[in-house]
Amino acid sequence: VNRMAKKYTFVRVANNTTNGVALGVDNQDINVHKIIVGAPVGGGIVRLYDISNPVNNSTTNMAFMLTFPTFSTTNINNGPYTFDFGEDGIRLGEGGNIMADGDMQVTVVWSEN
């Protein structure tokens, strides 16, 4: 694993209708170490892709997908949420992309491989 300095990408607002935000460039090997969702939205979806430019809301090339439950007085939103993939992270060989369908303030910590 390359021990280069980690980078971060922050997505404040929904970006699922604009093909998300690329992590690295096309065909670049990257590792995703953490996904932090700062302001989860009930029913919101966060997708991590093993491709730098997926089509809006694509269901192919997904490496990770999370759908938050509907929050209520009995199902309280205890965010922020951190998904830690360990020191080595999830390796994506085609570049990567993060897509959220709500204004969830998503941060991705990643590194080049």
C-alpha atoms as a PDB file:
ATOM      1  CA  VAL A   1       0.000   0.000   0.000  1.00  0.00           C
ATOM      2  CA  ASN A   2       1.243   3.424  -0.908  1.00  0.00           C
ATOM      3  CA  ARG A   3       1.692   5.505   2.245  1.00  0.00           C
ATOM      4  CA  MET A   4       1.327   8.818   0.415  1.00  0.00           C
ATOM      5  CA  ALA A   5      -0.508  11.588   2.162  1.00  0.00           C
ATOM      6  CA  LYS A   6      -4.241  11.154   2.214  1.00  0.00           C
ATOM      7  CA  LYS A   7      -6.489  13.562   0.368  1.00  0.00           C
ATOM      8  CA  TYR A   8     -10.076  14.487   1.001  1.00  0.00           C
ATOM      9  CA  THR A   9     -13.029  15.431  -1.148  1.00  0.00           C
ATOM     10  CA  PHE A  10     -16.020  17.227   0.376  1.00  0.00           C
ATOM     11  CA  VAL A  11     -19.502  17.159  -1.164  1.00  0.00           C
ATOM     12  CA  ARG A  12     -21.902  19.552   0.562  1.00  0.00           C
ATOM     13  CA  VAL A  13     -25.012  19.180  -1.594  1.00  0.00           C
ATOM     14  CA  ALA A  14     -26.799  16.508  -3.616  1.00  0.00           C
ATOM     15  CA  ASN A  15     -24.876  15.632  -6.772  1.00  0.00           C
ATOM     16  CA  ASN A  16     -26.669  12.543  -8.081  1.00  0.00           C
ATOM     17  CA  THR A  17     -28.070  14.400 -11.099  1.00  0.00           C
ATOM     18  CA  THR A  18     -24.659  15.746 -12.130  1.00  0.00           C
ATOM     19  CA  ASN A  19     -22.659  12.480 -12.231  1.00  0.00           C
ATOM     20  CA  GLY A  20     -21.146  12.887  -8.754  1.00  0.00           C
ATOM     21  CA  VAL A  21     -17.604  14.012  -7.948  1.00  0.00           C
ATOM     22  CA  ALA A  22     -14.552  12.197  -9.317  1.00  0.00           C
ATOM     23  CA  LEU A  23     -11.868  10.875  -6.974  1.00  0.00           C
ATOM     24  CA  GLY A  24      -8.655  10.752  -8.973  1.00  0.00           C
ATOM     25  CA  VAL A  25      -8.750  10.438 -12.748  1.00  0.00           C
ATOM     26  CA  ASP A  26     -10.030   7.794 -15.152  1.00  0.00           C
ATOM     27  CA  ASN A  27      -8.166   4.458 -14.799  1.00  0.00           C
ATOM     28  CA  GLN A  28      -6.164   5.660 -11.775  1.00  0.00           C
ATOM     29  CA  ASP A  29      -5.745   3.273  -8.835  1.00  0.00           C
ATOM     30  CA  ILE A  30      -6.955   4.910  -5.635  1.00  0.00           C
ATOM     31  CA  ASN A  31      -7.784   3.712  -2.123  1.00  0.00           C
ATOM     32  CA  VAL A  32     -10.771   5.034  -0.189  1.00  0.00           C
ATOM     33  CA  HIS A  33     -10.122   4.986   3.555  1.00  0.00           C
ATOM     34  CA  LYS A  34     -13.166   6.687   5.081  1.00  0.00           C
ATOM     35  CA  ILE A  35     -16.531   8.112   4.182  1.00  0.00           C
ATOM     36  CA  ILE A  36     -17.923  10.608   6.693  1.00  0.00           C
ATOM     37  CA  VAL A  37     -21.550  11.683   6.419  1.00  0.00           C
ATOM     38  CA  GLY A  38     -21.904  14.868   8.440  1.00  0.00           C
ATOM     39  CA  ALA A  39     -25.616  15.555   7.989  1.00  0.00           C
ATOM     40  CA  PRO A  40     -27.453  12.339   7.081  1.00  0.00           C
ATOM     41  CA  VAL A  41     -30.855  12.703   5.432  1.00  0.00           C
ATOM     42  CA  GLY A  42     -33.621  10.192   6.088  1.00  0.00           C
ATOM     43  CA  GLY A  43     -33.841   7.864   3.096  1.00  0.00           C
ATOM     44  CA  GLY A  44     -30.694   9.426   1.633  1.00  0.00           C
ATOM     45  CA  ILE A  45     -28.303   7.338  -0.459  1.00  0.00           C
ATOM     46  CA  VAL A  46     -24.505   7.586  -0.658  1.00  0.00           C
ATOM     47  CA  ARG A  47     -22.758   5.669  -3.447  1.00  0.00           C
ATOM     48  CA  LEU A  48     -19.054   5.028  -4.014  1.00  0.00           C
ATOM     49  CA  TYR A  49     -18.142   3.947  -7.544  1.00  0.00           C
ATOM     50  CA  ASP A  50     -15.161   2.133  -9.053  1.00  0.00           C
ATOM     51  CA  ILE A  51     -15.258   4.466 -12.039  1.00  0.00           C
ATOM     52  CA  SER A  52     -14.520   8.173 -12.275  1.00  0.00           C
ATOM     53  CA  ASN A  53     -17.612   9.225 -14.246  1.00  0.00           C
ATOM     54  CA  PRO A  54     -20.733   7.102 -13.663  1.00  0.00           C
ATOM     55  CA  VAL A  55     -24.081   8.012 -15.153  1.00  0.00           C
ATOM     56  CA  ASN A  56     -26.547   9.709 -12.776  1.00  0.00           C
ATOM     57  CA  ASN A  57     -27.683   7.226 -10.093  1.00  0.00           C
ATOM     58  CA  SER A  58     -25.994   4.334 -11.905  1.00  0.00           C
ATOM     59  CA  THR A  59     -26.295   0.896 -10.325  1.00  0.00           C
ATOM     60  CA  THR A  60     -23.199  -0.530 -12.047  1.00  0.00           C
ATOM     61  CA  ASN A  61     -19.572  -0.189 -10.921  1.00  0.00           C
ATOM     62  CA  MET A  62     -20.626   0.412  -7.298  1.00  0.00           C
ATOM     63  CA  ALA A  63     -18.077  -0.413  -4.597  1.00  0.00           C
ATOM     64  CA  PHE A  64     -20.215   0.753  -1.645  1.00  0.00           C
ATOM     65  CA  MET A  65     -23.784   1.938  -1.202  1.00  0.00           C
ATOM     66  CA  LEU A  66     -25.555   3.095   1.915  1.00  0.00           C
ATOM     67  CA  THR A  67     -29.238   3.949   2.258  1.00  0.00           C
ATOM     68  CA  PHE A  68     -30.120   5.745   5.469  1.00  0.00           C
ATOM     69  CA  PRO A  69     -33.383   4.787   7.161  1.00  0.00           C
ATOM     70  CA  THR A  70     -36.250   7.213   7.587  1.00  0.00           C
ATOM     71  CA  PHE A  71     -35.554   9.078  10.800  1.00  0.00           C
ATOM     72  CA  SER A  72     -38.259   9.745  13.395  1.00  0.00           C
ATOM     73  CA  THR A  73     -38.730  10.263  17.122  1.00  0.00           C
ATOM     74  CA  THR A  74     -38.255   6.513  17.606  1.00  0.00           C
ATOM     75  CA  ASN A  75     -35.494   6.134  14.975  1.00  0.00           C
ATOM     76  CA  ILE A  76     -33.254   9.069  15.838  1.00  0.00           C
ATOM     77  CA  ASN A  77     -30.578  10.396  13.509  1.00  0.00           C
ATOM     78  CA  ASN A  78     -27.389  10.001  15.546  1.00  0.00           C
ATOM     79  CA  GLY A  79     -25.126  11.428  12.837  1.00  0.00           C
ATOM     80  CA  PRO A  80     -22.507  12.186  11.855  1.00  0.00           C
ATOM     81  CA  TYR A  81     -21.593   8.695  10.651  1.00  0.00           C
ATOM     82  CA  THR A  82     -18.106   7.447   9.776  1.00  0.00           C
ATOM     83  CA  PHE A  83     -17.448   4.389   7.608  1.00  0.00           C
ATOM     84  CA  ASP A  84     -13.820   3.358   8.111  1.00  0.00           C
ATOM     85  CA  PHE A  85     -12.363   0.930   5.568  1.00  0.00           C
ATOM     86  CA  GLY A  86      -9.060   0.531   7.433  1.00  0.00           C
ATOM     87  CA  GLU A  87      -5.546   1.702   6.698  1.00  0.00           C
ATOM     88  CA  ASP A  88      -5.460  -0.019   3.292  1.00  0.00           C
ATOM     89  CA  GLY A  89      -8.979   1.059   2.380  1.00  0.00           C
ATOM     90  CA  ILE A  90     -11.047  -0.075  -0.571  1.00  0.00           C
ATOM     91  CA  ARG A  91      -8.946  -0.196  -3.744  1.00  0.00           C
ATOM     92  CA  LEU A  92     -10.619   1.241  -6.823  1.00  0.00           C
ATOM     93  CA  GLY A  93      -8.801   0.589 -10.085  1.00  0.00           C
ATOM     94  CA  GLU A  94     -10.754   2.841 -12.433  1.00  0.00           C
ATOM     95  CA  GLY A  95     -10.577   6.047 -10.449  1.00  0.00           C
ATOM     96  CA  GLY A  96     -13.497   6.635  -8.121  1.00  0.00           C
ATOM     97  CA  ASN A  97     -16.596   8.732  -7.689  1.00  0.00           C
ATOM     98  CA  ILE A  98     -18.785   9.733  -4.755  1.00  0.00           C
ATOM     99  CA  MET A  99     -22.469  10.476  -5.244  1.00  0.00           C
ATOM    100  CA  ALA A 100     -25.096  11.569  -2.706  1.00  0.00           C
ATOM    101  CA  ASP A 101     -28.778  12.208  -3.339  1.00  0.00           C
ATOM    102  CA  GLY A 102     -29.247  14.696  -0.500  1.00  0.00           C
ATOM    103  CA  ASP A 103     -27.462  17.630   1.111  1.00  0.00           C
ATOM    104  CA  MET A 104     -25.568  15.315   3.490  1.00  0.00           C
ATOM    105  CA  GLN A 105     -22.138  16.971   3.770  1.00  0.00           C
ATOM    106  CA  VAL A 106     -20.115  13.918   2.696  1.00  0.00           C
ATOM    107  CA  THR A 107     -16.331  13.785   3.094  1.00  0.00           C
ATOM    108  CA  VAL A 108     -14.239  11.063   1.440  1.00  0.00           C
ATOM    109  CA  VAL A 109     -10.696  10.400   2.678  1.00  0.00           C
ATOM    110  CA  TRP A 110      -8.657   8.726  -0.058  1.00  0.00           C
ATOM    111  CA  SER A 111      -5.145   8.271  -1.437  1.00  0.00           C
ATOM    112  CA  GLU A 112      -3.479   7.618  -4.762  1.00  0.00           C
ATOM    113  CA  ASN A 113      -2.097   4.143  -5.228  1.00  0.00           C
END
